[in-house]
N, C-alpha and C. Protein backbone atom coordinates (compact mmCIF):
# COMPACT_ATOMS: atom_id res chain seq x y z
N MET A 1 -16.77 -117.09 21.19
CA MET A 1 -15.37 -117.23 20.85
C MET A 1 -14.53 -117.09 22.11
N ALA A 2 -13.45 -117.82 22.14
CA ALA A 2 -12.56 -117.80 23.31
C ALA A 2 -11.84 -116.47 23.41
N GLU A 3 -11.60 -116.03 24.63
CA GLU A 3 -10.80 -114.84 24.86
C GLU A 3 -9.35 -115.28 24.96
N LEU A 4 -8.57 -114.91 24.00
CA LEU A 4 -7.17 -115.30 23.96
C LEU A 4 -6.29 -114.07 24.01
N ASN A 5 -5.15 -114.21 24.63
CA ASN A 5 -4.20 -113.11 24.71
C ASN A 5 -3.42 -112.98 23.41
N PRO A 6 -3.10 -111.76 23.01
CA PRO A 6 -2.25 -111.58 21.84
C PRO A 6 -0.93 -112.33 22.03
N SER A 7 -0.44 -112.88 20.97
CA SER A 7 0.79 -113.67 20.84
C SER A 7 0.59 -115.13 21.24
N THR A 8 -0.63 -115.51 21.65
CA THR A 8 -0.93 -116.92 21.90
C THR A 8 -0.82 -117.68 20.58
N VAL A 9 -0.21 -118.84 20.61
CA VAL A 9 -0.10 -119.67 19.41
C VAL A 9 -1.20 -120.71 19.45
N ILE A 10 -1.93 -120.82 18.34
CA ILE A 10 -2.97 -121.83 18.24
C ILE A 10 -2.71 -122.73 17.03
N ALA A 11 -3.26 -123.93 17.11
CA ALA A 11 -3.21 -124.88 16.00
C ALA A 11 -4.65 -125.20 15.62
N ILE A 12 -4.97 -124.97 14.36
CA ILE A 12 -6.32 -125.19 13.85
C ILE A 12 -6.33 -126.54 13.13
N ARG A 13 -7.27 -127.38 13.50
CA ARG A 13 -7.35 -128.72 12.90
C ARG A 13 -7.81 -128.61 11.45
N CYS A 14 -7.07 -129.28 10.57
CA CYS A 14 -7.40 -129.34 9.14
C CYS A 14 -7.44 -130.81 8.72
N TRP A 15 -7.93 -131.08 7.54
CA TRP A 15 -8.00 -132.47 7.06
C TRP A 15 -6.62 -133.10 6.96
N TRP A 16 -5.59 -132.32 6.72
CA TRP A 16 -4.23 -132.82 6.52
C TRP A 16 -3.37 -132.74 7.77
N GLY A 17 -3.85 -132.09 8.81
CA GLY A 17 -3.05 -131.94 10.03
C GLY A 17 -3.47 -130.70 10.79
N GLU A 18 -2.52 -129.80 11.03
CA GLU A 18 -2.79 -128.57 11.77
C GLU A 18 -2.21 -127.36 11.05
N HIS A 19 -2.92 -126.27 11.18
CA HIS A 19 -2.41 -124.97 10.69
C HIS A 19 -2.16 -124.11 11.92
N TRP A 20 -0.93 -123.59 12.05
CA TRP A 20 -0.56 -122.80 13.21
C TRP A 20 -0.64 -121.31 12.90
N GLY A 21 -1.02 -120.53 13.90
CA GLY A 21 -1.07 -119.08 13.77
C GLY A 21 -0.90 -118.41 15.12
N ILE A 22 -0.74 -117.09 15.06
CA ILE A 22 -0.52 -116.28 16.25
C ILE A 22 -1.71 -115.34 16.42
N VAL A 23 -2.28 -115.35 17.61
CA VAL A 23 -3.43 -114.50 17.91
C VAL A 23 -2.97 -113.05 18.04
N ALA A 24 -3.74 -112.15 17.44
CA ALA A 24 -3.48 -110.71 17.54
C ALA A 24 -4.84 -110.00 17.57
N ALA A 25 -4.84 -108.71 17.35
CA ALA A 25 -6.09 -107.94 17.27
C ALA A 25 -5.87 -106.79 16.29
N ASP A 26 -6.93 -106.43 15.57
CA ASP A 26 -6.81 -105.31 14.64
C ASP A 26 -7.07 -103.98 15.36
N LEU A 27 -7.08 -102.90 14.63
CA LEU A 27 -7.26 -101.57 15.22
C LEU A 27 -8.62 -101.38 15.87
N HIS A 28 -9.59 -102.25 15.52
CA HIS A 28 -10.93 -102.15 16.09
C HIS A 28 -11.12 -103.12 17.26
N GLY A 29 -10.03 -103.80 17.66
CA GLY A 29 -10.08 -104.74 18.78
C GLY A 29 -10.61 -106.11 18.42
N ARG A 30 -10.83 -106.36 17.12
CA ARG A 30 -11.32 -107.67 16.69
C ARG A 30 -10.16 -108.67 16.68
N GLN A 31 -10.45 -109.88 17.13
CA GLN A 31 -9.42 -110.91 17.19
C GLN A 31 -9.02 -111.33 15.78
N THR A 32 -7.70 -111.39 15.56
CA THR A 32 -7.15 -111.79 14.27
C THR A 32 -6.17 -112.93 14.48
N ILE A 33 -5.81 -113.56 13.37
CA ILE A 33 -4.78 -114.59 13.35
C ILE A 33 -3.75 -114.17 12.30
N ILE A 34 -2.50 -114.13 12.72
CA ILE A 34 -1.40 -113.89 11.77
C ILE A 34 -0.80 -115.26 11.49
N SER A 35 -0.80 -115.64 10.23
CA SER A 35 -0.31 -116.97 9.90
C SER A 35 0.22 -117.01 8.47
N ASN A 36 0.90 -118.07 8.18
CA ASN A 36 1.47 -118.31 6.85
C ASN A 36 0.65 -119.42 6.21
N ARG A 37 -0.27 -119.02 5.34
CA ARG A 37 -1.21 -119.98 4.77
C ARG A 37 -0.94 -120.23 3.30
N GLY A 38 -0.84 -121.52 2.96
CA GLY A 38 -0.71 -121.89 1.56
C GLY A 38 -1.93 -121.43 0.77
N ALA A 39 -3.11 -121.49 1.39
CA ALA A 39 -4.34 -121.08 0.72
C ALA A 39 -4.32 -119.59 0.36
N LYS A 40 -3.54 -118.81 1.07
CA LYS A 40 -3.41 -117.37 0.80
C LYS A 40 -2.05 -117.06 0.19
N ASN A 41 -1.25 -118.09 -0.03
CA ASN A 41 0.09 -118.00 -0.60
C ASN A 41 1.02 -117.09 0.18
N GLY A 42 0.90 -117.10 1.49
CA GLY A 42 1.85 -116.35 2.29
C GLY A 42 1.31 -115.89 3.62
N VAL A 43 2.10 -115.06 4.26
CA VAL A 43 1.77 -114.55 5.59
C VAL A 43 0.69 -113.48 5.46
N THR A 44 -0.37 -113.65 6.25
CA THR A 44 -1.49 -112.70 6.26
C THR A 44 -1.94 -112.47 7.69
N GLU A 45 -2.70 -111.41 7.89
CA GLU A 45 -3.43 -111.20 9.14
C GLU A 45 -4.89 -111.14 8.77
N GLU A 46 -5.65 -112.09 9.30
CA GLU A 46 -7.06 -112.21 8.95
C GLU A 46 -7.90 -112.30 10.22
N LEU A 47 -9.15 -111.95 10.09
CA LEU A 47 -10.06 -112.07 11.22
C LEU A 47 -10.18 -113.54 11.63
N TRP A 48 -10.40 -113.75 12.93
CA TRP A 48 -10.50 -115.10 13.51
C TRP A 48 -11.39 -116.01 12.66
N HIS A 49 -12.60 -115.54 12.35
CA HIS A 49 -13.57 -116.40 11.66
C HIS A 49 -13.12 -116.77 10.25
N GLU A 50 -12.26 -115.95 9.63
CA GLU A 50 -11.77 -116.25 8.29
C GLU A 50 -10.75 -117.39 8.29
N VAL A 51 -10.05 -117.56 9.40
CA VAL A 51 -9.02 -118.60 9.49
C VAL A 51 -9.54 -119.81 10.25
N VAL A 52 -10.15 -119.58 11.39
CA VAL A 52 -10.58 -120.67 12.26
C VAL A 52 -11.97 -121.16 11.89
N GLY A 53 -12.89 -120.23 11.64
CA GLY A 53 -14.26 -120.62 11.34
C GLY A 53 -14.82 -121.48 12.45
N ASN A 54 -15.39 -122.62 12.09
CA ASN A 54 -15.96 -123.55 13.07
C ASN A 54 -15.02 -124.73 13.35
N SER A 55 -13.79 -124.65 12.88
CA SER A 55 -12.83 -125.75 13.06
C SER A 55 -12.43 -125.89 14.52
N ASN A 56 -12.05 -127.09 14.88
CA ASN A 56 -11.49 -127.33 16.20
C ASN A 56 -10.09 -126.73 16.24
N TRP A 57 -9.70 -126.26 17.39
CA TRP A 57 -8.37 -125.69 17.54
C TRP A 57 -7.87 -125.97 18.95
N ARG A 58 -6.57 -125.77 19.14
CA ARG A 58 -5.98 -125.98 20.46
C ARG A 58 -4.88 -124.94 20.68
N PHE A 59 -4.51 -124.77 21.95
CA PHE A 59 -3.35 -123.96 22.29
C PHE A 59 -2.10 -124.77 21.96
N VAL A 60 -1.10 -124.15 21.41
CA VAL A 60 0.19 -124.81 21.20
C VAL A 60 1.03 -124.49 22.43
N THR A 61 0.97 -125.39 23.40
CA THR A 61 1.62 -125.15 24.69
C THR A 61 3.07 -125.61 24.72
N GLU A 62 3.50 -126.34 23.70
CA GLU A 62 4.86 -126.86 23.70
C GLU A 62 5.91 -125.82 23.29
N LEU A 63 5.47 -124.63 22.92
CA LEU A 63 6.39 -123.56 22.55
C LEU A 63 6.40 -122.49 23.65
N ALA A 64 7.58 -121.97 23.93
CA ALA A 64 7.70 -120.89 24.91
C ALA A 64 8.70 -119.87 24.38
N SER A 65 8.40 -118.62 24.62
CA SER A 65 9.28 -117.54 24.19
C SER A 65 9.46 -116.56 25.34
N ASP A 66 10.67 -116.02 25.44
CA ASP A 66 10.96 -115.00 26.44
C ASP A 66 10.66 -113.60 25.90
N MET A 67 10.27 -113.52 24.63
CA MET A 67 10.01 -112.22 24.02
C MET A 67 8.70 -111.64 24.53
N PRO A 68 8.64 -110.32 24.67
CA PRO A 68 7.36 -109.70 25.07
C PRO A 68 6.33 -109.82 23.94
N THR A 69 5.07 -109.79 24.33
CA THR A 69 3.96 -109.91 23.38
C THR A 69 4.09 -108.95 22.21
N TYR A 70 4.36 -107.68 22.48
CA TYR A 70 4.41 -106.70 21.39
C TYR A 70 5.51 -107.04 20.39
N SER A 71 6.62 -107.62 20.84
CA SER A 71 7.70 -107.99 19.92
C SER A 71 7.29 -109.15 19.03
N ILE A 72 6.60 -110.12 19.60
CA ILE A 72 6.14 -111.27 18.82
C ILE A 72 5.17 -110.81 17.74
N ILE A 73 4.21 -109.97 18.12
CA ILE A 73 3.22 -109.46 17.15
C ILE A 73 3.92 -108.61 16.09
N GLU A 74 4.84 -107.77 16.51
CA GLU A 74 5.57 -106.91 15.56
C GLU A 74 6.37 -107.75 14.57
N ARG A 75 7.07 -108.77 15.07
CA ARG A 75 7.83 -109.67 14.19
C ARG A 75 6.89 -110.37 13.21
N ALA A 76 5.78 -110.88 13.72
CA ALA A 76 4.83 -111.60 12.86
C ALA A 76 4.30 -110.68 11.77
N ARG A 77 3.91 -109.48 12.13
CA ARG A 77 3.37 -108.55 11.13
C ARG A 77 4.43 -108.11 10.13
N SER A 78 5.68 -108.09 10.54
CA SER A 78 6.74 -107.67 9.62
C SER A 78 6.91 -108.65 8.45
N MET A 79 6.35 -109.85 8.57
CA MET A 79 6.48 -110.86 7.51
C MET A 79 5.25 -110.95 6.63
N ILE A 80 4.24 -110.12 6.87
CA ILE A 80 3.03 -110.14 6.03
C ILE A 80 3.44 -109.92 4.58
N GLY A 81 2.95 -110.79 3.72
CA GLY A 81 3.28 -110.74 2.30
C GLY A 81 4.39 -111.69 1.89
N THR A 82 5.11 -112.25 2.87
CA THR A 82 6.17 -113.21 2.56
C THR A 82 5.53 -114.48 2.00
N PRO A 83 6.01 -114.99 0.86
CA PRO A 83 5.38 -116.17 0.25
C PRO A 83 5.51 -117.44 1.08
N TYR A 84 4.52 -118.29 0.95
CA TYR A 84 4.46 -119.59 1.59
C TYR A 84 5.30 -120.59 0.79
N ASN A 85 6.00 -121.47 1.50
CA ASN A 85 6.72 -122.56 0.86
C ASN A 85 6.75 -123.72 1.85
N PHE A 86 6.06 -124.81 1.55
CA PHE A 86 5.95 -125.92 2.49
C PHE A 86 7.32 -126.42 2.94
N PHE A 87 8.28 -126.47 2.03
CA PHE A 87 9.59 -127.04 2.35
C PHE A 87 10.54 -126.07 3.03
N ARG A 88 10.29 -124.76 2.92
CA ARG A 88 11.22 -123.80 3.51
C ARG A 88 10.59 -122.76 4.43
N TRP A 89 9.30 -122.50 4.30
CA TRP A 89 8.69 -121.42 5.09
C TRP A 89 7.19 -121.66 5.19
N ASN A 90 6.79 -122.57 6.07
CA ASN A 90 5.37 -122.86 6.23
C ASN A 90 4.85 -122.25 7.54
N CYS A 91 3.65 -122.60 7.93
CA CYS A 91 3.03 -121.97 9.10
C CYS A 91 3.81 -122.21 10.38
N GLN A 92 4.39 -123.38 10.53
CA GLN A 92 5.16 -123.66 11.74
C GLN A 92 6.50 -122.94 11.74
N ASP A 93 7.19 -122.93 10.60
CA ASP A 93 8.43 -122.15 10.50
C ASP A 93 8.18 -120.70 10.91
N PHE A 94 7.10 -120.14 10.39
CA PHE A 94 6.73 -118.76 10.67
C PHE A 94 6.50 -118.53 12.17
N VAL A 95 5.74 -119.41 12.81
CA VAL A 95 5.43 -119.25 14.24
C VAL A 95 6.71 -119.35 15.07
N TYR A 96 7.53 -120.36 14.81
CA TYR A 96 8.79 -120.49 15.54
C TYR A 96 9.60 -119.20 15.39
N TRP A 97 9.74 -118.71 14.15
CA TRP A 97 10.52 -117.50 13.90
C TRP A 97 9.94 -116.29 14.65
N ALA A 98 8.63 -116.11 14.59
CA ALA A 98 8.00 -114.96 15.26
C ALA A 98 8.23 -114.99 16.77
N LEU A 99 8.35 -116.19 17.32
CA LEU A 99 8.60 -116.33 18.76
C LEU A 99 10.08 -116.17 19.11
N GLY A 100 10.90 -115.90 18.09
CA GLY A 100 12.34 -115.74 18.33
C GLY A 100 13.09 -117.06 18.40
N LEU A 101 12.47 -118.12 17.92
CA LEU A 101 13.08 -119.45 17.93
C LEU A 101 13.58 -119.79 16.53
N LYS A 102 14.41 -120.81 16.44
CA LYS A 102 14.90 -121.27 15.14
C LYS A 102 13.72 -121.84 14.35
N PRO A 103 13.49 -121.36 13.12
CA PRO A 103 12.37 -121.89 12.33
C PRO A 103 12.50 -123.40 12.12
N ARG A 104 11.39 -124.08 12.31
CA ARG A 104 11.33 -125.52 12.03
C ARG A 104 9.87 -125.92 11.89
N SER A 105 9.66 -127.09 11.33
CA SER A 105 8.31 -127.57 11.13
C SER A 105 8.22 -129.05 11.49
N PRO A 106 7.77 -129.36 12.70
CA PRO A 106 7.58 -130.76 13.07
C PRO A 106 6.66 -131.50 12.09
N GLN A 107 5.67 -130.80 11.57
CA GLN A 107 4.73 -131.40 10.61
C GLN A 107 5.46 -131.79 9.32
N ARG A 108 6.32 -130.89 8.83
CA ARG A 108 7.09 -131.19 7.61
C ARG A 108 8.06 -132.33 7.88
N GLU A 109 8.72 -132.30 9.06
CA GLU A 109 9.66 -133.36 9.41
C GLU A 109 8.96 -134.71 9.42
N ALA A 110 7.75 -134.77 9.95
CA ALA A 110 6.99 -136.02 9.98
C ALA A 110 6.61 -136.45 8.56
N ALA A 111 6.16 -135.51 7.74
CA ALA A 111 5.77 -135.84 6.36
C ALA A 111 6.97 -136.34 5.57
N LEU A 112 8.11 -135.68 5.71
CA LEU A 112 9.31 -136.13 5.00
C LEU A 112 9.77 -137.49 5.50
N GLY A 113 9.63 -137.75 6.79
CA GLY A 113 9.97 -139.05 7.35
C GLY A 113 9.09 -140.15 6.75
N LEU A 114 7.80 -139.88 6.63
CA LEU A 114 6.88 -140.85 6.02
C LEU A 114 7.21 -141.08 4.55
N MET A 115 7.53 -140.01 3.83
CA MET A 115 7.88 -140.14 2.42
C MET A 115 9.17 -140.94 2.26
N THR A 116 10.14 -140.70 3.12
CA THR A 116 11.40 -141.44 3.06
C THR A 116 11.16 -142.92 3.34
N ALA A 117 10.37 -143.21 4.36
CA ALA A 117 10.07 -144.61 4.70
C ALA A 117 9.32 -145.29 3.55
N ALA A 118 8.37 -144.59 2.93
CA ALA A 118 7.63 -145.16 1.81
C ALA A 118 8.55 -145.44 0.62
N CYS A 119 9.46 -144.52 0.33
CA CYS A 119 10.41 -144.72 -0.78
C CYS A 119 11.34 -145.90 -0.48
N PHE A 120 11.81 -145.97 0.76
CA PHE A 120 12.70 -147.06 1.15
C PHE A 120 11.96 -148.40 1.04
N GLY A 121 10.73 -148.45 1.50
CA GLY A 121 9.92 -149.66 1.39
C GLY A 121 9.68 -150.06 -0.05
N PHE A 122 9.41 -149.09 -0.89
CA PHE A 122 9.21 -149.34 -2.32
C PHE A 122 10.48 -149.93 -2.93
N MET A 123 11.63 -149.37 -2.59
CA MET A 123 12.90 -149.87 -3.12
C MET A 123 13.17 -151.30 -2.65
N LEU A 124 12.83 -151.61 -1.40
CA LEU A 124 13.02 -152.97 -0.89
C LEU A 124 12.14 -153.96 -1.63
N VAL A 125 10.87 -153.59 -1.84
CA VAL A 125 9.94 -154.46 -2.55
C VAL A 125 10.41 -154.64 -3.99
N LYS A 126 10.77 -153.56 -4.63
CA LYS A 126 11.23 -153.59 -6.03
C LYS A 126 12.50 -154.43 -6.15
N GLY A 127 13.43 -154.27 -5.19
CA GLY A 127 14.69 -155.01 -5.21
C GLY A 127 14.47 -156.49 -5.00
N SER A 128 13.52 -156.85 -4.13
CA SER A 128 13.29 -158.29 -3.86
C SER A 128 12.62 -158.98 -5.05
N LYS A 129 11.89 -158.22 -5.87
CA LYS A 129 11.22 -158.80 -7.05
C LYS A 129 12.20 -158.99 -8.20
N SER A 130 13.26 -158.18 -8.23
CA SER A 130 14.20 -158.29 -9.35
C SER A 130 15.31 -159.31 -9.09
N GLY A 131 15.41 -159.78 -7.88
CA GLY A 131 16.49 -160.69 -7.52
C GLY A 131 16.04 -162.07 -7.53
């Protein structure tokens, strides 16, 4: 397993895209991931292997925070138990917030953009058939 510093943000590859989380460690020094998982219905702190397993993952290098590591971990842990909501509070919203940034989800923005384009295309096709 990779040696990662606490508060490092990782993205775990999933069939639908990526799941983001924050690296931490438990009281026994075992590597954990704090994340907001729909599969767990909210923010949890779980052992690395429970979240990442054998999946491919990457560092999320496009995010930067001026907050110290302990503050990021403390903020992330303060949200444990908060329910998951894809449209208002998903894994990316959570990570942005824990880093002291405005919550947002590029993944959700892309999905909503695709849904909007599909609906618009459907309306165009439907409109051209009725005219």
